């Protein structure tokens, strides 16, 4: 993913960052991230588990993340009892991100 754009709100003291593989106007999904200027720590909530992102090559993506010092919490491979290939990584705050191999994603999680 790449940073597509940012927006700052000085009155309410936050910055929005929009990341994705392409602009929404071109049919791509975009994730909005919020940085609250005066917040220095967040509690991990219970209402959010993880996000899932389709990838062309989860094996290469995980290798690159690991080489950069990132944490892989579930190595790439098929789901238990199925053929869809997934992997999980953890961000520095402990949140999980799932990668789904696109070539097997259309088959569902079975």
C-alpha atoms as a PDB file:
ATOM      1  CA  UNK A   1       0.000   0.000   0.000  1.00  0.00           C
ATOM      2  CA  UNK A   2       1.047   3.580  -0.411  1.00  0.00           C
ATOM      3  CA  UNK A   3       0.084   6.846   1.194  1.00  0.00           C
ATOM      4  CA  UNK A   4      -2.480   8.433  -1.144  1.00  0.00           C
ATOM      5  CA  UNK A   5      -3.180  11.694   0.689  1.00  0.00           C
ATOM      6  CA  UNK A   6      -3.349  13.382   4.071  1.00  0.00           C
ATOM      7  CA  UNK A   7      -5.678  15.936   5.608  1.00  0.00           C
ATOM      8  CA  UNK A   8      -5.113  17.993   8.763  1.00  0.00           C
ATOM      9  CA  UNK A   9      -7.740  19.558  10.991  1.00  0.00           C
ATOM     10  CA  UNK A  10      -6.087  22.183  13.182  1.00  0.00           C
ATOM     11  CA  UNK A  11      -9.286  23.095  15.042  1.00  0.00           C
ATOM     12  CA  UNK A  12      -9.873  19.529  16.280  1.00  0.00           C
ATOM     13  CA  UNK A  13      -6.168  18.589  16.255  1.00  0.00           C
ATOM     14  CA  UNK A  14      -6.039  15.484  14.128  1.00  0.00           C
ATOM     15  CA  UNK A  15      -4.473  14.257  10.893  1.00  0.00           C
ATOM     16  CA  UNK A  16      -6.065  11.766   8.516  1.00  0.00           C
ATOM     17  CA  UNK A  17      -3.923   9.551   6.296  1.00  0.00           C
ATOM     18  CA  UNK A  18      -5.475   7.567   3.463  1.00  0.00           C
ATOM     19  CA  UNK A  19      -3.622   4.459   2.273  1.00  0.00           C
ATOM     20  CA  UNK A  20      -4.411   1.989  -0.466  1.00  0.00           C
ATOM     21  CA  UNK A  21      -3.288   0.386  -3.699  1.00  0.00           C
ATOM     22  CA  UNK A  22      -5.018   3.066  -5.766  1.00  0.00           C
ATOM     23  CA  UNK A  23      -7.598   5.842  -5.595  1.00  0.00           C
ATOM     24  CA  UNK A  24     -11.251   5.149  -4.793  1.00  0.00           C
ATOM     25  CA  UNK A  25     -12.176   6.853  -8.081  1.00  0.00           C
ATOM     26  CA  UNK A  26     -10.431   3.947  -9.817  1.00  0.00           C
ATOM     27  CA  UNK A  27     -12.421   1.338  -7.881  1.00  0.00           C
ATOM     28  CA  UNK A  28      -9.877   0.639  -5.127  1.00  0.00           C
ATOM     29  CA  UNK A  29     -10.613   0.304  -1.417  1.00  0.00           C
ATOM     30  CA  UNK A  30      -8.873   2.836   0.809  1.00  0.00           C
ATOM     31  CA  UNK A  31      -8.178   2.699   4.544  1.00  0.00           C
ATOM     32  CA  UNK A  32      -8.407   5.895   6.589  1.00  0.00           C
ATOM     33  CA  UNK A  33      -6.016   6.179   9.540  1.00  0.00           C
ATOM     34  CA  UNK A  34      -6.449   8.892  12.182  1.00  0.00           C
ATOM     35  CA  UNK A  35      -3.703  10.478  14.263  1.00  0.00           C
ATOM     36  CA  UNK A  36      -4.990  12.542  17.205  1.00  0.00           C
ATOM     37  CA  UNK A  37      -2.295  15.112  17.968  1.00  0.00           C
ATOM     38  CA  UNK A  38      -2.618  15.159  21.754  1.00  0.00           C
ATOM     39  CA  UNK A  39      -3.106  11.425  22.241  1.00  0.00           C
ATOM     40  CA  UNK A  40       0.096   9.623  23.129  1.00  0.00           C
ATOM     41  CA  UNK A  41      -1.286   6.129  23.764  1.00  0.00           C
ATOM     42  CA  UNK A  42      -4.383   4.124  22.942  1.00  0.00           C
ATOM     43  CA  UNK A  43      -5.939   1.153  24.744  1.00  0.00           C
ATOM     44  CA  UNK A  44      -6.434  -1.874  22.552  1.00  0.00           C
ATOM     45  CA  UNK A  45     -10.169  -2.182  22.112  1.00  0.00           C
ATOM     46  CA  UNK A  46     -12.343  -5.259  22.075  1.00  0.00           C
ATOM     47  CA  UNK A  47     -14.570  -4.225  19.153  1.00  0.00           C
ATOM     48  CA  UNK A  48     -11.861  -4.513  16.500  1.00  0.00           C
ATOM     49  CA  UNK A  49     -10.143  -7.771  15.675  1.00  0.00           C
ATOM     50  CA  UNK A  50      -8.183  -7.308  12.466  1.00  0.00           C
ATOM     51  CA  UNK A  51      -8.343  -6.152   8.889  1.00  0.00           C
ATOM     52  CA  UNK A  52      -7.791  -8.435   5.916  1.00  0.00           C
ATOM     53  CA  UNK A  53      -6.003  -7.435   2.733  1.00  0.00           C
ATOM     54  CA  UNK A  54      -5.873  -9.406  -0.502  1.00  0.00           C
ATOM     55  CA  UNK A  55      -2.313  -9.918  -1.760  1.00  0.00           C
ATOM     56  CA  UNK A  56      -0.914 -11.329  -4.986  1.00  0.00           C
ATOM     57  CA  UNK A  57       1.925 -13.072  -3.086  1.00  0.00           C
ATOM     58  CA  UNK A  58       1.542 -13.393   0.686  1.00  0.00           C
ATOM     59  CA  UNK A  59       4.786 -15.366   0.890  1.00  0.00           C
ATOM     60  CA  UNK A  60       6.854 -12.531  -0.607  1.00  0.00           C
ATOM     61  CA  UNK A  61       4.957  -9.905   1.402  1.00  0.00           C
ATOM     62  CA  UNK A  62       5.607 -11.714   4.693  1.00  0.00           C
ATOM     63  CA  UNK A  63       9.264 -12.262   3.798  1.00  0.00           C
ATOM     64  CA  UNK A  64       9.643  -8.525   3.149  1.00  0.00           C
ATOM     65  CA  UNK A  65       7.900  -7.633   6.419  1.00  0.00           C
ATOM     66  CA  UNK A  66      10.060 -10.091   8.360  1.00  0.00           C
ATOM     67  CA  UNK A  67      13.251  -8.801   6.688  1.00  0.00           C
ATOM     68  CA  UNK A  68      12.293  -5.278   7.780  1.00  0.00           C
ATOM     69  CA  UNK A  69      11.938  -6.458  11.397  1.00  0.00           C
ATOM     70  CA  UNK A  70       8.165  -6.955  11.378  1.00  0.00           C
ATOM     71  CA  UNK A  71       6.370  -9.650  13.363  1.00  0.00           C
ATOM     72  CA  UNK A  72       4.691 -12.549  11.546  1.00  0.00           C
ATOM     73  CA  UNK A  73       2.206 -14.191  13.929  1.00  0.00           C
ATOM     74  CA  UNK A  74       0.980 -16.841  11.479  1.00  0.00           C
ATOM     75  CA  UNK A  75       3.237 -17.914   8.660  1.00  0.00           C
ATOM     76  CA  UNK A  76       1.697 -18.055   5.172  1.00  0.00           C
ATOM     77  CA  UNK A  77      -0.126 -21.255   4.320  1.00  0.00           C
ATOM     78  CA  UNK A  78      -3.535 -22.862   3.882  1.00  0.00           C
ATOM     79  CA  UNK A  79      -6.237 -22.419   6.520  1.00  0.00           C
ATOM     80  CA  UNK A  80      -6.926 -25.468   8.674  1.00  0.00           C
ATOM     81  CA  UNK A  81      -9.177 -27.818   6.741  1.00  0.00           C
ATOM     82  CA  UNK A  82      -9.165 -25.677   3.602  1.00  0.00           C
ATOM     83  CA  UNK A  83      -7.152 -24.410   0.689  1.00  0.00           C
ATOM     84  CA  UNK A  84      -7.309 -20.605   1.071  1.00  0.00           C
ATOM     85  CA  UNK A  85      -3.825 -19.324   1.880  1.00  0.00           C
ATOM     86  CA  UNK A  86      -3.536 -16.717   4.620  1.00  0.00           C
ATOM     87  CA  UNK A  87      -0.970 -15.150   6.919  1.00  0.00           C
ATOM     88  CA  UNK A  88      -1.119 -12.788   9.884  1.00  0.00           C
ATOM     89  CA  UNK A  89       1.241  -9.998  10.883  1.00  0.00           C
ATOM     90  CA  UNK A  90       1.132  -7.756  13.916  1.00  0.00           C
ATOM     91  CA  UNK A  91       1.599  -3.994  13.867  1.00  0.00           C
ATOM     92  CA  UNK A  92       3.706  -2.234  16.536  1.00  0.00           C
ATOM     93  CA  UNK A  93       0.567  -1.653  18.662  1.00  0.00           C
ATOM     94  CA  UNK A  94      -0.382  -5.343  18.651  1.00  0.00           C
ATOM     95  CA  UNK A  95      -3.194  -5.193  16.092  1.00  0.00           C
ATOM     96  CA  UNK A  96      -3.416  -8.031  13.580  1.00  0.00           C
ATOM     97  CA  UNK A  97      -3.439  -7.721   9.796  1.00  0.00           C
ATOM     98  CA  UNK A  98      -4.440 -10.745   7.729  1.00  0.00           C
ATOM     99  CA  UNK A  99      -3.116 -11.274   4.219  1.00  0.00           C
ATOM    100  CA  UNK A 100      -5.189 -13.457   1.887  1.00  0.00           C
ATOM    101  CA  UNK A 101      -3.606 -14.952  -1.228  1.00  0.00           C
ATOM    102  CA  UNK A 102      -5.721 -13.501  -4.045  1.00  0.00           C
ATOM    103  CA  UNK A 103      -5.427 -16.576  -6.242  1.00  0.00           C
ATOM    104  CA  UNK A 104      -7.222 -18.606  -3.567  1.00  0.00           C
ATOM    105  CA  UNK A 105      -9.439 -15.869  -2.073  1.00  0.00           C
ATOM    106  CA  UNK A 106     -12.278 -16.313  -4.554  1.00  0.00           C
ATOM    107  CA  UNK A 107     -12.658 -19.913  -3.367  1.00  0.00           C
ATOM    108  CA  UNK A 108     -13.728 -18.686   0.076  1.00  0.00           C
ATOM    109  CA  UNK A 109     -12.199 -19.801   3.368  1.00  0.00           C
ATOM    110  CA  UNK A 110     -12.944 -23.477   2.787  1.00  0.00           C
END
